[in-house]
Amino acid sequence: MQSEKTFLPPNRYRLLWIAVAISMLAAMYLFQRFNFLGAILSLVGQNHSAVHPYYFFIFNKTCRLIINDFGSFILIFALFNERKYMKVALGVFLFEIVFLLPLYFVLKLSLEGDSEISSPLLSQLHRLIVNPTLMFLLIAAFLYQRFKEVRIP
């Protein structure tokens, strides 16, 4: 019988999930300037000029964060396949979307507006939040923990 802490049979679909996750992350990188809200408004026939530019900025950055983190979740799932790691990743994602993202929006929009170019401080905050940097740091921490568990008898 399979252990409770794993989701998939060992190594059966691991490479497929890793490929899906890397493809999602690569697509978000390649299409980072994609206008999600503009595409939705075009589909429903809404005039873009009726929407404030800040709404475009907030919606597009939020979509990018969610897709990047979902790709990172899939990668964590494929690499570790343990419920405890998924719980920690979910906690980091919730902290990121509930606290860090609104803080970034307030600082960015009040200090610089919706331009893509940021000051050095906000540029680093942008990389930490909108890019999957926190999730990659989390993967490194999980790998380190796994390495330490293997070495301890």
C-alpha atoms as a PDB file:
ATOM      1  CA  MET A   1       0.000   0.000   0.000  1.00  0.00           C
ATOM      2  CA  GLN A   2       1.204   3.479  -0.844  1.00  0.00           C
ATOM      3  CA  SER A   3       2.347   5.810   1.927  1.00  0.00           C
ATOM      4  CA  GLU A   4      -0.034   8.590   2.983  1.00  0.00           C
ATOM      5  CA  LYS A   5       2.556  11.272   2.428  1.00  0.00           C
ATOM      6  CA  THR A   6       2.931  10.688  -1.323  1.00  0.00           C
ATOM      7  CA  PHE A   7       0.464  11.578  -4.058  1.00  0.00           C
ATOM      8  CA  LEU A   8       1.739   9.674  -7.101  1.00  0.00           C
ATOM      9  CA  PRO A   9       3.357   6.302  -7.655  1.00  0.00           C
ATOM     10  CA  PRO A  10       7.117   6.850  -7.284  1.00  0.00           C
ATOM     11  CA  ASN A  11       8.763   8.289 -10.408  1.00  0.00           C
ATOM     12  CA  ARG A  12       5.903   7.245 -12.690  1.00  0.00           C
ATOM     13  CA  TYR A  13       4.917  10.686 -13.969  1.00  0.00           C
ATOM     14  CA  ARG A  14       7.668  12.743 -12.383  1.00  0.00           C
ATOM     15  CA  LEU A  15       9.397  13.766 -15.629  1.00  0.00           C
ATOM     16  CA  LEU A  16       6.078  14.739 -17.199  1.00  0.00           C
ATOM     17  CA  TRP A  17       5.185  16.984 -14.249  1.00  0.00           C
ATOM     18  CA  ILE A  18       8.667  18.531 -14.277  1.00  0.00           C
ATOM     19  CA  ALA A  19       8.325  19.258 -18.008  1.00  0.00           C
ATOM     20  CA  VAL A  20       4.873  20.814 -17.484  1.00  0.00           C
ATOM     21  CA  ALA A  21       6.169  23.004 -14.633  1.00  0.00           C
ATOM     22  CA  ILE A  22       9.236  24.172 -16.541  1.00  0.00           C
ATOM     23  CA  SER A  23       7.085  24.871 -19.604  1.00  0.00           C
ATOM     24  CA  MET A  24       4.706  27.014 -17.538  1.00  0.00           C
ATOM     25  CA  LEU A  25       7.562  28.969 -15.970  1.00  0.00           C
ATOM     26  CA  ALA A  26       9.271  29.432 -19.338  1.00  0.00           C
ATOM     27  CA  ALA A  27       6.006  30.594 -20.939  1.00  0.00           C
ATOM     28  CA  MET A  28       5.503  33.171 -18.196  1.00  0.00           C
ATOM     29  CA  TYR A  29       9.046  34.397 -18.722  1.00  0.00           C
ATOM     30  CA  LEU A  30       8.694  34.602 -22.498  1.00  0.00           C
ATOM     31  CA  PHE A  31       5.272  36.281 -22.348  1.00  0.00           C
ATOM     32  CA  GLN A  32       5.860  38.419 -19.264  1.00  0.00           C
ATOM     33  CA  ARG A  33       4.482  41.488 -21.017  1.00  0.00           C
ATOM     34  CA  PHE A  34       1.286  39.709 -22.046  1.00  0.00           C
ATOM     35  CA  ASN A  35      -1.788  41.770 -21.216  1.00  0.00           C
ATOM     36  CA  PHE A  36      -4.176  39.328 -19.505  1.00  0.00           C
ATOM     37  CA  LEU A  37      -6.821  41.943 -18.760  1.00  0.00           C
ATOM     38  CA  GLY A  38      -6.577  43.362 -22.272  1.00  0.00           C
ATOM     39  CA  ALA A  39      -7.143  39.890 -23.739  1.00  0.00           C
ATOM     40  CA  ILE A  40     -10.181  39.338 -21.511  1.00  0.00           C
ATOM     41  CA  LEU A  41     -11.610  42.761 -22.364  1.00  0.00           C
ATOM     42  CA  SER A  42     -11.111  42.069 -26.081  1.00  0.00           C
ATOM     43  CA  LEU A  43     -12.942  38.757 -25.754  1.00  0.00           C
ATOM     44  CA  VAL A  44     -15.966  40.381 -24.153  1.00  0.00           C
ATOM     45  CA  GLY A  45     -15.869  43.409 -26.437  1.00  0.00           C
ATOM     46  CA  GLN A  46     -15.105  45.970 -23.722  1.00  0.00           C
ATOM     47  CA  ASN A  47     -13.332  49.233 -24.595  1.00  0.00           C
ATOM     48  CA  HIS A  48      -9.799  49.316 -23.133  1.00  0.00           C
ATOM     49  CA  SER A  49      -9.775  53.065 -22.723  1.00  0.00           C
ATOM     50  CA  ALA A  50     -12.597  52.857 -20.165  1.00  0.00           C
ATOM     51  CA  VAL A  51     -10.328  50.957 -17.754  1.00  0.00           C
ATOM     52  CA  HIS A  52      -7.767  52.746 -15.595  1.00  0.00           C
ATOM     53  CA  PRO A  53      -4.130  51.699 -16.329  1.00  0.00           C
ATOM     54  CA  TYR A  54      -3.632  50.694 -12.684  1.00  0.00           C
ATOM     55  CA  TYR A  55      -6.248  47.963 -13.117  1.00  0.00           C
ATOM     56  CA  PHE A  56      -4.252  46.555 -16.014  1.00  0.00           C
ATOM     57  CA  PHE A  57      -1.084  46.643 -13.917  1.00  0.00           C
ATOM     58  CA  ILE A  58      -2.654  44.979 -10.868  1.00  0.00           C
ATOM     59  CA  PHE A  59      -4.552  42.316 -12.804  1.00  0.00           C
ATOM     60  CA  ASN A  60      -1.640  41.380 -15.051  1.00  0.00           C
ATOM     61  CA  LYS A  61       0.900  41.152 -12.210  1.00  0.00           C
ATOM     62  CA  THR A  62      -1.517  39.106 -10.098  1.00  0.00           C
ATOM     63  CA  CYS A  63      -2.158  36.670 -12.962  1.00  0.00           C
ATOM     64  CA  ARG A  64       1.565  36.330 -13.547  1.00  0.00           C
ATOM     65  CA  LEU A  65       2.191  35.658  -9.849  1.00  0.00           C
ATOM     66  CA  ILE A  66      -0.506  32.984  -9.718  1.00  0.00           C
ATOM     67  CA  ILE A  67       0.697  31.214 -12.863  1.00  0.00           C
ATOM     68  CA  ASN A  68       4.353  31.349 -11.769  1.00  0.00           C
ATOM     69  CA  ASP A  69       3.536  29.993  -8.339  1.00  0.00           C
ATOM     70  CA  PHE A  70       1.278  27.291  -9.765  1.00  0.00           C
ATOM     71  CA  GLY A  71       4.157  26.189 -11.989  1.00  0.00           C
ATOM     72  CA  SER A  72       6.411  26.205  -8.948  1.00  0.00           C
ATOM     73  CA  PHE A  73       3.849  24.120  -7.008  1.00  0.00           C
ATOM     74  CA  ILE A  74       3.878  21.561  -9.786  1.00  0.00           C
ATOM     75  CA  LEU A  75       7.672  21.526  -9.708  1.00  0.00           C
ATOM     76  CA  ILE A  76       7.727  21.035  -5.929  1.00  0.00           C
ATOM     77  CA  PHE A  77       5.104  18.304  -6.316  1.00  0.00           C
ATOM     78  CA  ALA A  78       7.183  16.531  -8.964  1.00  0.00           C
ATOM     79  CA  LEU A  79      10.502  16.873  -7.165  1.00  0.00           C
ATOM     80  CA  PHE A  80       9.448  15.974  -3.638  1.00  0.00           C
ATOM     81  CA  ASN A  81       6.004  14.363  -3.848  1.00  0.00           C
ATOM     82  CA  GLU A  82       5.273  14.923  -0.163  1.00  0.00           C
ATOM     83  CA  ARG A  83       2.317  16.587   1.453  1.00  0.00           C
ATOM     84  CA  LYS A  84       4.429  18.458   4.037  1.00  0.00           C
ATOM     85  CA  TYR A  85       6.324  20.281   1.295  1.00  0.00           C
ATOM     86  CA  MET A  86       3.121  21.204  -0.484  1.00  0.00           C
ATOM     87  CA  LYS A  87       1.702  22.641   2.748  1.00  0.00           C
ATOM     88  CA  VAL A  88       4.769  24.828   3.256  1.00  0.00           C
ATOM     89  CA  ALA A  89       4.642  25.958  -0.385  1.00  0.00           C
ATOM     90  CA  LEU A  90       0.955  26.833   0.006  1.00  0.00           C
ATOM     91  CA  GLY A  91       1.759  28.829   3.149  1.00  0.00           C
ATOM     92  CA  VAL A  92       4.461  30.780   1.316  1.00  0.00           C
ATOM     93  CA  PHE A  93       2.104  31.425  -1.603  1.00  0.00           C
ATOM     94  CA  LEU A  94      -0.669  32.666   0.699  1.00  0.00           C
ATOM     95  CA  PHE A  95       1.767  34.961   2.528  1.00  0.00           C
ATOM     96  CA  GLU A  96       2.981  36.221  -0.827  1.00  0.00           C
ATOM     97  CA  ILE A  97      -0.475  36.943  -2.258  1.00  0.00           C
ATOM     98  CA  VAL A  98      -2.109  38.256   0.941  1.00  0.00           C
ATOM     99  CA  PHE A  99       0.711  40.401   2.359  1.00  0.00           C
ATOM    100  CA  LEU A 100       3.585  40.959  -0.057  1.00  0.00           C
ATOM    101  CA  LEU A 101       1.658  41.535  -3.287  1.00  0.00           C
ATOM    102  CA  PRO A 102      -0.655  44.245  -1.874  1.00  0.00           C
ATOM    103  CA  LEU A 103       2.369  45.903  -0.227  1.00  0.00           C
ATOM    104  CA  TYR A 104       4.154  45.869  -3.578  1.00  0.00           C
ATOM    105  CA  PHE A 105       1.129  47.378  -5.335  1.00  0.00           C
ATOM    106  CA  VAL A 106       0.766  50.163  -2.770  1.00  0.00           C
ATOM    107  CA  LEU A 107       4.453  51.061  -2.893  1.00  0.00           C
ATOM    108  CA  LYS A 108       4.812  50.733  -6.650  1.00  0.00           C
ATOM    109  CA  LEU A 109       1.653  52.596  -7.632  1.00  0.00           C
ATOM    110  CA  SER A 110       2.018  55.366  -5.039  1.00  0.00           C
ATOM    111  CA  LEU A 111       5.725  56.009  -5.680  1.00  0.00           C
ATOM    112  CA  GLU A 112       6.211  55.268  -9.377  1.00  0.00           C
ATOM    113  CA  GLY A 113       2.910  54.547 -11.051  1.00  0.00           C
ATOM    114  CA  ASP A 114       2.373  51.646 -13.416  1.00  0.00           C
ATOM    115  CA  SER A 115       5.604  51.978 -15.418  1.00  0.00           C
ATOM    116  CA  GLU A 116       7.669  48.851 -15.980  1.00  0.00           C
ATOM    117  CA  ILE A 117      10.890  50.546 -14.837  1.00  0.00           C
ATOM    118  CA  SER A 118      11.362  50.590 -11.082  1.00  0.00           C
ATOM    119  CA  SER A 119      13.756  52.047  -8.569  1.00  0.00           C
ATOM    120  CA  PRO A 120      16.358  49.598  -7.216  1.00  0.00           C
ATOM    121  CA  LEU A 121      14.363  48.824  -4.056  1.00  0.00           C
ATOM    122  CA  LEU A 122      11.089  48.214  -5.852  1.00  0.00           C
ATOM    123  CA  SER A 123      12.865  46.311  -8.601  1.00  0.00           C
ATOM    124  CA  GLN A 124      14.118  43.788  -6.036  1.00  0.00           C
ATOM    125  CA  LEU A 125      10.682  43.587  -4.428  1.00  0.00           C
ATOM    126  CA  HIS A 126       9.198  42.975  -7.885  1.00  0.00           C
ATOM    127  CA  ARG A 127      11.645  40.125  -8.526  1.00  0.00           C
ATOM    128  CA  LEU A 128      10.860  38.587  -5.152  1.00  0.00           C
ATOM    129  CA  ILE A 129       7.090  38.719  -5.573  1.00  0.00           C
ATOM    130  CA  VAL A 130       6.059  38.585  -9.218  1.00  0.00           C
ATOM    131  CA  ASN A 131       8.845  36.251 -10.329  1.00  0.00           C
ATOM    132  CA  PRO A 132       8.892  32.806  -8.705  1.00  0.00           C
ATOM    133  CA  THR A 133      11.948  33.696  -6.597  1.00  0.00           C
ATOM    134  CA  LEU A 134      10.379  32.730  -3.266  1.00  0.00           C
ATOM    135  CA  MET A 135       9.353  29.350  -4.623  1.00  0.00           C
ATOM    136  CA  PHE A 136      12.838  28.695  -6.011  1.00  0.00           C
ATOM    137  CA  LEU A 137      14.307  29.568  -2.620  1.00  0.00           C
ATOM    138  CA  LEU A 138      11.797  27.168  -1.111  1.00  0.00           C
ATOM    139  CA  ILE A 139      12.877  24.388  -3.496  1.00  0.00           C
ATOM    140  CA  ALA A 140      16.508  24.989  -2.501  1.00  0.00           C
ATOM    141  CA  ALA A 141      15.544  24.788   1.180  1.00  0.00           C
ATOM    142  CA  PHE A 142      13.638  21.536   0.594  1.00  0.00           C
ATOM    143  CA  LEU A 143      16.611  20.059  -1.255  1.00  0.00           C
ATOM    144  CA  TYR A 144      18.891  21.053   1.614  1.00  0.00           C
ATOM    145  CA  GLN A 145      16.514  19.507   4.143  1.00  0.00           C
ATOM    146  CA  ARG A 146      16.304  16.324   2.090  1.00  0.00           C
ATOM    147  CA  PHE A 147      20.107  16.189   1.893  1.00  0.00           C
ATOM    148  CA  LYS A 148      20.406  16.612   5.669  1.00  0.00           C
ATOM    149  CA  GLU A 149      17.797  13.884   6.306  1.00  0.00           C
ATOM    150  CA  VAL A 150      19.681  11.424   4.098  1.00  0.00           C
ATOM    151  CA  ARG A 151      23.013  12.074   5.820  1.00  0.00           C
ATOM    152  CA  ILE A 152      21.666  11.622   9.376  1.00  0.00           C
ATOM    153  CA  PRO A 153      21.595   7.924  10.356  1.00  0.00           C
END
